[in-house]
């Protein structure tokens, strides 16, 4: 069960972009960090935020789920297919976007830092 105090404290009207590991954790119900990251994803899919997924993430997240987290292949595939069918926005990862994401990652930015430098939307949060 998600802690509603965490959900209530999440920012609204922002764009959420995760790394592939956070996506895999959010889609793995029994992962120890699931409760921490899933509200961000849920708010981007069902709530007031926009959740962006780079087009190569679904296959990579499925691999991480099955290889690293021990998720059954069928369960992982079903979770990924649900994500693809959700209101999440699948976006092409351009060279510029990837370089800027790596730069942000190198700066060790916390999840509470608003970044607009990805040029995706005015308010973007990178969750790593």
N, C-alpha and C. Protein backbone atom coordinates (compact mmCIF):
# COMPACT_ATOMS: atom_id res chain seq x y z
N UNK A 1 0.83 -1.18 0.00
CA UNK A 1 0.00 0.00 0.00
C UNK A 1 0.88 1.25 0.00
N UNK A 2 0.56 2.21 -0.87
CA UNK A 2 1.35 3.42 -0.99
C UNK A 2 1.03 4.38 0.14
N UNK A 3 2.07 4.95 0.72
CA UNK A 3 1.93 5.94 1.78
C UNK A 3 1.37 7.22 1.17
N UNK A 4 0.17 7.60 1.53
CA UNK A 4 -0.45 8.77 0.92
C UNK A 4 0.25 10.06 1.28
N UNK A 5 0.97 10.11 2.40
CA UNK A 5 1.70 11.33 2.73
C UNK A 5 2.81 11.57 1.72
N UNK A 6 3.40 10.49 1.20
CA UNK A 6 4.42 10.63 0.16
C UNK A 6 3.78 11.14 -1.11
N UNK A 7 2.67 10.55 -1.51
CA UNK A 7 1.98 10.96 -2.73
C UNK A 7 1.53 12.41 -2.63
N UNK A 8 1.00 12.80 -1.48
CA UNK A 8 0.53 14.17 -1.29
C UNK A 8 1.67 15.18 -1.37
N UNK A 9 2.89 14.77 -1.05
CA UNK A 9 4.02 15.69 -1.05
C UNK A 9 4.74 15.76 -2.40
N UNK A 10 4.33 14.96 -3.37
CA UNK A 10 4.96 14.99 -4.68
C UNK A 10 4.58 16.26 -5.42
N UNK A 11 5.49 16.79 -6.23
CA UNK A 11 5.15 17.99 -7.00
C UNK A 11 4.10 17.66 -8.05
N UNK A 12 3.39 18.67 -8.49
CA UNK A 12 2.38 18.46 -9.53
C UNK A 12 2.71 19.32 -10.74
N UNK A 13 2.09 18.94 -11.84
CA UNK A 13 2.26 19.64 -13.10
C UNK A 13 3.72 19.71 -13.54
N UNK A 14 4.42 18.59 -13.39
CA UNK A 14 5.79 18.47 -13.85
C UNK A 14 5.88 17.27 -14.79
N UNK A 15 6.96 17.22 -15.53
CA UNK A 15 7.25 16.09 -16.38
C UNK A 15 8.25 15.21 -15.65
N UNK A 16 7.98 13.91 -15.61
CA UNK A 16 8.84 12.97 -14.90
C UNK A 16 9.56 12.10 -15.92
N UNK A 17 10.87 12.05 -15.79
CA UNK A 17 11.71 11.19 -16.62
C UNK A 17 12.60 10.40 -15.68
N UNK A 18 12.53 9.08 -15.73
CA UNK A 18 13.35 8.24 -14.85
C UNK A 18 14.49 7.62 -15.63
N UNK A 19 15.39 6.97 -14.90
CA UNK A 19 16.32 6.10 -15.60
C UNK A 19 15.67 4.73 -15.68
N UNK A 20 16.27 3.85 -16.43
CA UNK A 20 15.65 2.54 -16.69
C UNK A 20 15.54 1.69 -15.43
N UNK A 21 16.47 1.83 -14.51
CA UNK A 21 16.41 1.05 -13.27
C UNK A 21 15.24 1.47 -12.40
N UNK A 22 14.98 2.77 -12.32
CA UNK A 22 13.83 3.25 -11.55
C UNK A 22 12.55 2.73 -12.18
N UNK A 23 12.48 2.73 -13.50
CA UNK A 23 11.30 2.20 -14.17
C UNK A 23 11.11 0.73 -13.83
N UNK A 24 12.18 -0.05 -13.89
CA UNK A 24 12.10 -1.48 -13.58
C UNK A 24 11.68 -1.70 -12.12
N UNK A 25 12.21 -0.89 -11.21
CA UNK A 25 11.83 -0.99 -9.80
C UNK A 25 10.35 -0.68 -9.63
N UNK A 26 9.88 0.36 -10.29
CA UNK A 26 8.47 0.75 -10.17
C UNK A 26 7.54 -0.34 -10.68
N UNK A 27 7.99 -1.12 -11.65
CA UNK A 27 7.16 -2.17 -12.22
C UNK A 27 7.32 -3.51 -11.50
N UNK A 28 8.18 -3.56 -10.49
CA UNK A 28 8.42 -4.78 -9.73
C UNK A 28 7.84 -4.60 -8.32
N UNK A 29 6.64 -5.13 -8.11
CA UNK A 29 5.90 -4.91 -6.86
C UNK A 29 6.67 -5.29 -5.60
N UNK A 30 7.47 -6.36 -5.66
CA UNK A 30 8.14 -6.82 -4.44
C UNK A 30 9.58 -6.31 -4.30
N UNK A 31 9.98 -5.34 -5.12
CA UNK A 31 11.32 -4.76 -4.98
C UNK A 31 11.33 -3.87 -3.73
N UNK A 32 12.42 -3.91 -2.94
CA UNK A 32 12.47 -3.12 -1.70
C UNK A 32 12.25 -1.61 -1.89
N UNK A 33 12.59 -1.07 -3.05
CA UNK A 33 12.44 0.37 -3.29
C UNK A 33 11.15 0.72 -4.04
N UNK A 34 10.33 -0.28 -4.32
CA UNK A 34 9.10 -0.05 -5.09
C UNK A 34 8.23 1.05 -4.49
N UNK A 35 7.98 0.98 -3.21
CA UNK A 35 7.09 1.95 -2.55
C UNK A 35 7.65 3.37 -2.61
N UNK A 36 8.97 3.49 -2.75
CA UNK A 36 9.59 4.80 -2.82
C UNK A 36 9.44 5.44 -4.20
N UNK A 37 9.54 4.63 -5.26
CA UNK A 37 9.55 5.21 -6.61
C UNK A 37 8.21 5.11 -7.34
N UNK A 38 7.40 4.13 -6.98
CA UNK A 38 6.15 3.95 -7.72
C UNK A 38 5.22 5.17 -7.68
N UNK A 39 5.12 5.90 -6.56
CA UNK A 39 4.24 7.07 -6.58
C UNK A 39 4.60 8.10 -7.66
N UNK A 40 5.89 8.23 -7.96
CA UNK A 40 6.31 9.15 -9.03
C UNK A 40 5.76 8.69 -10.38
N UNK A 41 5.85 7.38 -10.62
CA UNK A 41 5.37 6.83 -11.88
C UNK A 41 3.85 6.93 -11.93
N UNK A 42 3.20 6.55 -10.85
CA UNK A 42 1.74 6.58 -10.80
C UNK A 42 1.21 7.99 -11.00
N UNK A 43 1.86 8.98 -10.40
CA UNK A 43 1.45 10.37 -10.57
C UNK A 43 1.64 10.84 -12.01
N UNK A 44 2.58 10.23 -12.69
CA UNK A 44 2.81 10.58 -14.09
C UNK A 44 1.85 9.88 -15.03
N UNK A 45 1.33 8.74 -14.61
CA UNK A 45 0.41 7.99 -15.46
C UNK A 45 -1.04 8.34 -15.13
N UNK A 46 -1.38 8.33 -13.83
CA UNK A 46 -2.77 8.53 -13.41
C UNK A 46 -3.05 9.91 -12.83
N UNK A 47 -2.01 10.67 -12.58
CA UNK A 47 -2.19 11.93 -11.87
C UNK A 47 -1.94 13.15 -12.71
N UNK A 48 -1.53 14.22 -12.06
CA UNK A 48 -1.40 15.51 -12.72
C UNK A 48 -0.10 15.70 -13.51
N UNK A 49 0.80 14.74 -13.46
CA UNK A 49 2.10 14.89 -14.11
C UNK A 49 2.15 14.15 -15.45
N UNK A 50 3.20 14.39 -16.18
CA UNK A 50 3.45 13.71 -17.45
C UNK A 50 4.63 12.78 -17.23
N UNK A 51 4.47 11.52 -17.61
CA UNK A 51 5.54 10.54 -17.45
C UNK A 51 6.10 10.20 -18.83
N UNK A 52 7.38 10.52 -19.03
CA UNK A 52 8.06 10.24 -20.29
C UNK A 52 8.88 8.96 -20.18
N UNK A 53 8.86 8.17 -21.23
CA UNK A 53 9.63 6.93 -21.28
C UNK A 53 10.41 6.93 -22.59
N UNK A 54 11.73 6.90 -22.50
CA UNK A 54 12.52 6.78 -23.73
C UNK A 54 12.12 5.49 -24.44
N UNK A 55 12.10 5.52 -25.76
CA UNK A 55 11.60 4.40 -26.54
C UNK A 55 12.37 3.09 -26.35
N UNK A 56 13.57 3.14 -25.89
CA UNK A 56 14.34 1.90 -25.68
C UNK A 56 14.19 1.35 -24.26
N UNK A 57 13.53 2.09 -23.36
CA UNK A 57 13.39 1.65 -21.97
C UNK A 57 12.57 0.37 -21.78
N UNK A 58 11.44 0.19 -22.46
CA UNK A 58 10.63 -0.99 -22.16
C UNK A 58 11.39 -2.31 -22.27
N UNK A 59 12.11 -2.52 -23.36
CA UNK A 59 12.86 -3.77 -23.49
C UNK A 59 13.97 -3.88 -22.46
N UNK A 60 14.64 -2.78 -22.21
CA UNK A 60 15.73 -2.78 -21.23
C UNK A 60 15.18 -3.01 -19.81
N UNK A 61 14.05 -2.37 -19.48
CA UNK A 61 13.45 -2.56 -18.15
C UNK A 61 13.01 -4.01 -17.96
N UNK A 62 12.46 -4.61 -19.01
CA UNK A 62 12.05 -6.02 -18.91
C UNK A 62 13.27 -6.90 -18.64
N UNK A 63 14.38 -6.61 -19.29
CA UNK A 63 15.61 -7.37 -19.06
C UNK A 63 16.08 -7.21 -17.60
N UNK A 64 16.08 -5.98 -17.10
CA UNK A 64 16.50 -5.73 -15.72
C UNK A 64 15.57 -6.47 -14.75
N UNK A 65 14.27 -6.42 -15.02
CA UNK A 65 13.31 -7.08 -14.13
C UNK A 65 13.55 -8.58 -14.07
N UNK A 66 13.79 -9.22 -15.21
CA UNK A 66 13.95 -10.68 -15.23
C UNK A 66 15.36 -11.10 -14.80
N UNK A 67 16.37 -10.37 -15.23
CA UNK A 67 17.76 -10.77 -14.95
C UNK A 67 18.24 -10.36 -13.58
N UNK A 68 17.87 -9.16 -13.15
CA UNK A 68 18.39 -8.63 -11.88
C UNK A 68 17.44 -8.79 -10.71
N UNK A 69 16.12 -8.75 -10.99
CA UNK A 69 15.15 -8.77 -9.90
C UNK A 69 14.41 -10.09 -9.80
N UNK A 70 14.67 -11.02 -10.69
CA UNK A 70 14.06 -12.34 -10.62
C UNK A 70 12.57 -12.39 -10.95
N UNK A 71 12.09 -11.41 -11.68
CA UNK A 71 10.68 -11.39 -12.07
C UNK A 71 10.45 -12.43 -13.17
N UNK A 72 9.37 -13.16 -13.06
CA UNK A 72 8.99 -14.13 -14.08
C UNK A 72 8.86 -13.42 -15.43
N UNK A 73 9.29 -14.08 -16.51
CA UNK A 73 9.28 -13.46 -17.83
C UNK A 73 7.89 -13.00 -18.27
N UNK A 74 6.89 -13.82 -18.01
CA UNK A 74 5.52 -13.46 -18.40
C UNK A 74 5.04 -12.26 -17.58
N UNK A 75 5.32 -12.25 -16.29
CA UNK A 75 4.92 -11.12 -15.44
C UNK A 75 5.62 -9.84 -15.87
N UNK A 76 6.89 -9.93 -16.19
CA UNK A 76 7.64 -8.75 -16.64
C UNK A 76 7.08 -8.25 -17.97
N UNK A 77 6.83 -9.14 -18.88
CA UNK A 77 6.26 -8.76 -20.18
C UNK A 77 4.90 -8.10 -20.00
N UNK A 78 4.07 -8.65 -19.12
CA UNK A 78 2.74 -8.07 -18.86
C UNK A 78 2.86 -6.66 -18.26
N UNK A 79 3.80 -6.48 -17.35
CA UNK A 79 4.00 -5.16 -16.74
C UNK A 79 4.44 -4.14 -17.80
N UNK A 80 5.34 -4.55 -18.68
CA UNK A 80 5.82 -3.65 -19.73
C UNK A 80 4.69 -3.33 -20.71
N UNK A 81 3.91 -4.33 -21.08
CA UNK A 81 2.80 -4.08 -21.99
C UNK A 81 1.77 -3.14 -21.37
N UNK A 82 1.52 -3.28 -20.08
CA UNK A 82 0.61 -2.35 -19.39
C UNK A 82 1.15 -0.93 -19.43
N UNK A 83 2.46 -0.80 -19.23
CA UNK A 83 3.09 0.51 -19.30
C UNK A 83 2.91 1.12 -20.69
N UNK A 84 3.16 0.33 -21.72
CA UNK A 84 3.05 0.82 -23.09
C UNK A 84 1.62 1.25 -23.41
N UNK A 85 0.65 0.54 -22.86
CA UNK A 85 -0.76 0.88 -23.09
C UNK A 85 -1.24 2.05 -22.23
N UNK A 86 -0.46 2.43 -21.25
CA UNK A 86 -0.85 3.49 -20.33
C UNK A 86 -0.70 4.86 -21.01
N UNK A 87 -1.13 5.92 -20.32
CA UNK A 87 -0.95 7.27 -20.86
C UNK A 87 0.50 7.78 -20.83
N UNK A 88 1.45 6.95 -20.39
CA UNK A 88 2.85 7.37 -20.44
C UNK A 88 3.20 7.75 -21.88
N UNK A 89 4.05 8.72 -22.03
CA UNK A 89 4.44 9.16 -23.37
C UNK A 89 5.76 8.50 -23.75
N UNK A 90 5.73 7.69 -24.78
CA UNK A 90 6.94 7.07 -25.29
C UNK A 90 7.59 8.08 -26.24
N UNK A 91 8.83 8.47 -25.94
CA UNK A 91 9.51 9.49 -26.74
C UNK A 91 10.80 8.94 -27.32
N UNK A 92 11.16 9.44 -28.48
CA UNK A 92 12.42 9.06 -29.09
C UNK A 92 13.56 9.72 -28.33
N UNK A 93 14.55 8.94 -28.04
CA UNK A 93 15.72 9.46 -27.34
C UNK A 93 16.69 10.01 -28.39
N UNK A 94 16.73 11.33 -28.48
CA UNK A 94 17.64 11.95 -29.44
C UNK A 94 19.04 12.01 -28.83
N UNK A 95 20.01 12.22 -29.68
CA UNK A 95 21.40 12.32 -29.22
C UNK A 95 21.55 13.45 -28.21
N UNK A 96 20.93 14.59 -28.49
CA UNK A 96 21.01 15.74 -27.58
C UNK A 96 20.40 15.41 -26.23
N UNK A 97 19.22 14.80 -26.24
CA UNK A 97 18.56 14.45 -24.99
C UNK A 97 19.41 13.49 -24.17
N UNK A 98 20.00 12.50 -24.82
CA UNK A 98 20.84 11.54 -24.10
C UNK A 98 22.07 12.20 -23.49
N UNK A 99 22.74 13.06 -24.25
CA UNK A 99 23.91 13.75 -23.71
C UNK A 99 23.52 14.63 -22.52
N UNK A 100 22.40 15.33 -22.62
CA UNK A 100 21.98 16.19 -21.52
C UNK A 100 21.57 15.36 -20.31
N UNK A 101 20.93 14.21 -20.53
CA UNK A 101 20.58 13.34 -19.40
C UNK A 101 21.84 12.84 -18.71
N UNK A 102 22.87 12.49 -19.47
CA UNK A 102 24.13 12.05 -18.87
C UNK A 102 24.79 13.17 -18.09
N UNK A 103 24.73 14.40 -18.62
CA UNK A 103 25.31 15.53 -17.90
C UNK A 103 24.59 15.75 -16.57
N UNK A 104 23.26 15.69 -16.60
CA UNK A 104 22.48 15.85 -15.38
C UNK A 104 22.85 14.75 -14.39
N UNK A 105 22.93 13.53 -14.88
CA UNK A 105 23.27 12.40 -14.03
C UNK A 105 24.65 12.59 -13.41
N UNK A 106 25.60 13.10 -14.17
CA UNK A 106 26.96 13.32 -13.67
C UNK A 106 26.99 14.37 -12.56
N UNK A 107 26.04 15.28 -12.59
CA UNK A 107 25.97 16.32 -11.56
C UNK A 107 25.41 15.79 -10.25
N UNK A 108 24.94 14.53 -10.24
CA UNK A 108 24.37 13.91 -9.05
C UNK A 108 23.22 14.73 -8.48
N UNK A 109 22.31 15.07 -9.35
CA UNK A 109 21.15 15.87 -8.96
C UNK A 109 20.18 15.01 -8.17
N UNK A 110 19.57 15.58 -7.15
CA UNK A 110 18.58 14.86 -6.37
C UNK A 110 17.24 14.86 -7.09
N UNK A 111 16.35 14.01 -6.65
CA UNK A 111 15.04 13.91 -7.29
C UNK A 111 14.20 15.15 -7.09
N UNK A 112 14.58 16.03 -6.19
CA UNK A 112 13.77 17.21 -5.95
C UNK A 112 14.21 18.41 -6.80
N UNK A 113 15.21 18.22 -7.66
CA UNK A 113 15.69 19.33 -8.48
C UNK A 113 14.91 19.41 -9.78
N UNK A 114 14.38 20.57 -10.06
CA UNK A 114 13.64 20.76 -11.31
C UNK A 114 14.65 21.11 -12.40
N UNK A 115 14.55 20.38 -13.52
CA UNK A 115 15.44 20.63 -14.64
C UNK A 115 14.63 20.96 -15.89
N UNK A 116 14.94 22.03 -16.55
CA UNK A 116 14.28 22.32 -17.81
C UNK A 116 15.26 22.15 -18.97
N UNK A 117 16.49 21.78 -18.68
CA UNK A 117 17.51 21.72 -19.71
C UNK A 117 17.34 20.58 -20.70
N UNK A 118 16.45 19.63 -20.42
CA UNK A 118 16.23 18.55 -21.38
C UNK A 118 15.40 19.02 -22.58
N UNK A 119 14.88 20.22 -22.51
CA UNK A 119 14.10 20.81 -23.60
C UNK A 119 12.89 19.96 -23.97
N UNK A 120 12.37 19.21 -23.02
CA UNK A 120 11.19 18.39 -23.26
C UNK A 120 9.94 19.17 -22.88
N UNK A 121 9.99 19.80 -21.74
CA UNK A 121 8.90 20.60 -21.21
C UNK A 121 9.53 21.64 -20.30
N UNK A 122 8.74 22.60 -19.89
CA UNK A 122 9.29 23.64 -19.01
C UNK A 122 9.78 23.07 -17.69
N UNK A 123 9.06 22.12 -17.13
CA UNK A 123 9.41 21.58 -15.81
C UNK A 123 9.60 20.08 -15.92
N UNK A 124 10.84 19.64 -15.77
CA UNK A 124 11.17 18.23 -15.89
C UNK A 124 11.90 17.79 -14.63
N UNK A 125 11.56 16.60 -14.15
CA UNK A 125 12.28 16.01 -13.02
C UNK A 125 12.91 14.72 -13.51
N UNK A 126 14.20 14.60 -13.27
CA UNK A 126 14.94 13.40 -13.63
C UNK A 126 15.12 12.60 -12.36
N UNK A 127 14.58 11.38 -12.34
CA UNK A 127 14.66 10.54 -11.15
C UNK A 127 15.65 9.43 -11.42
N UNK A 128 16.73 9.43 -10.64
CA UNK A 128 17.75 8.39 -10.79
C UNK A 128 18.01 7.71 -9.48
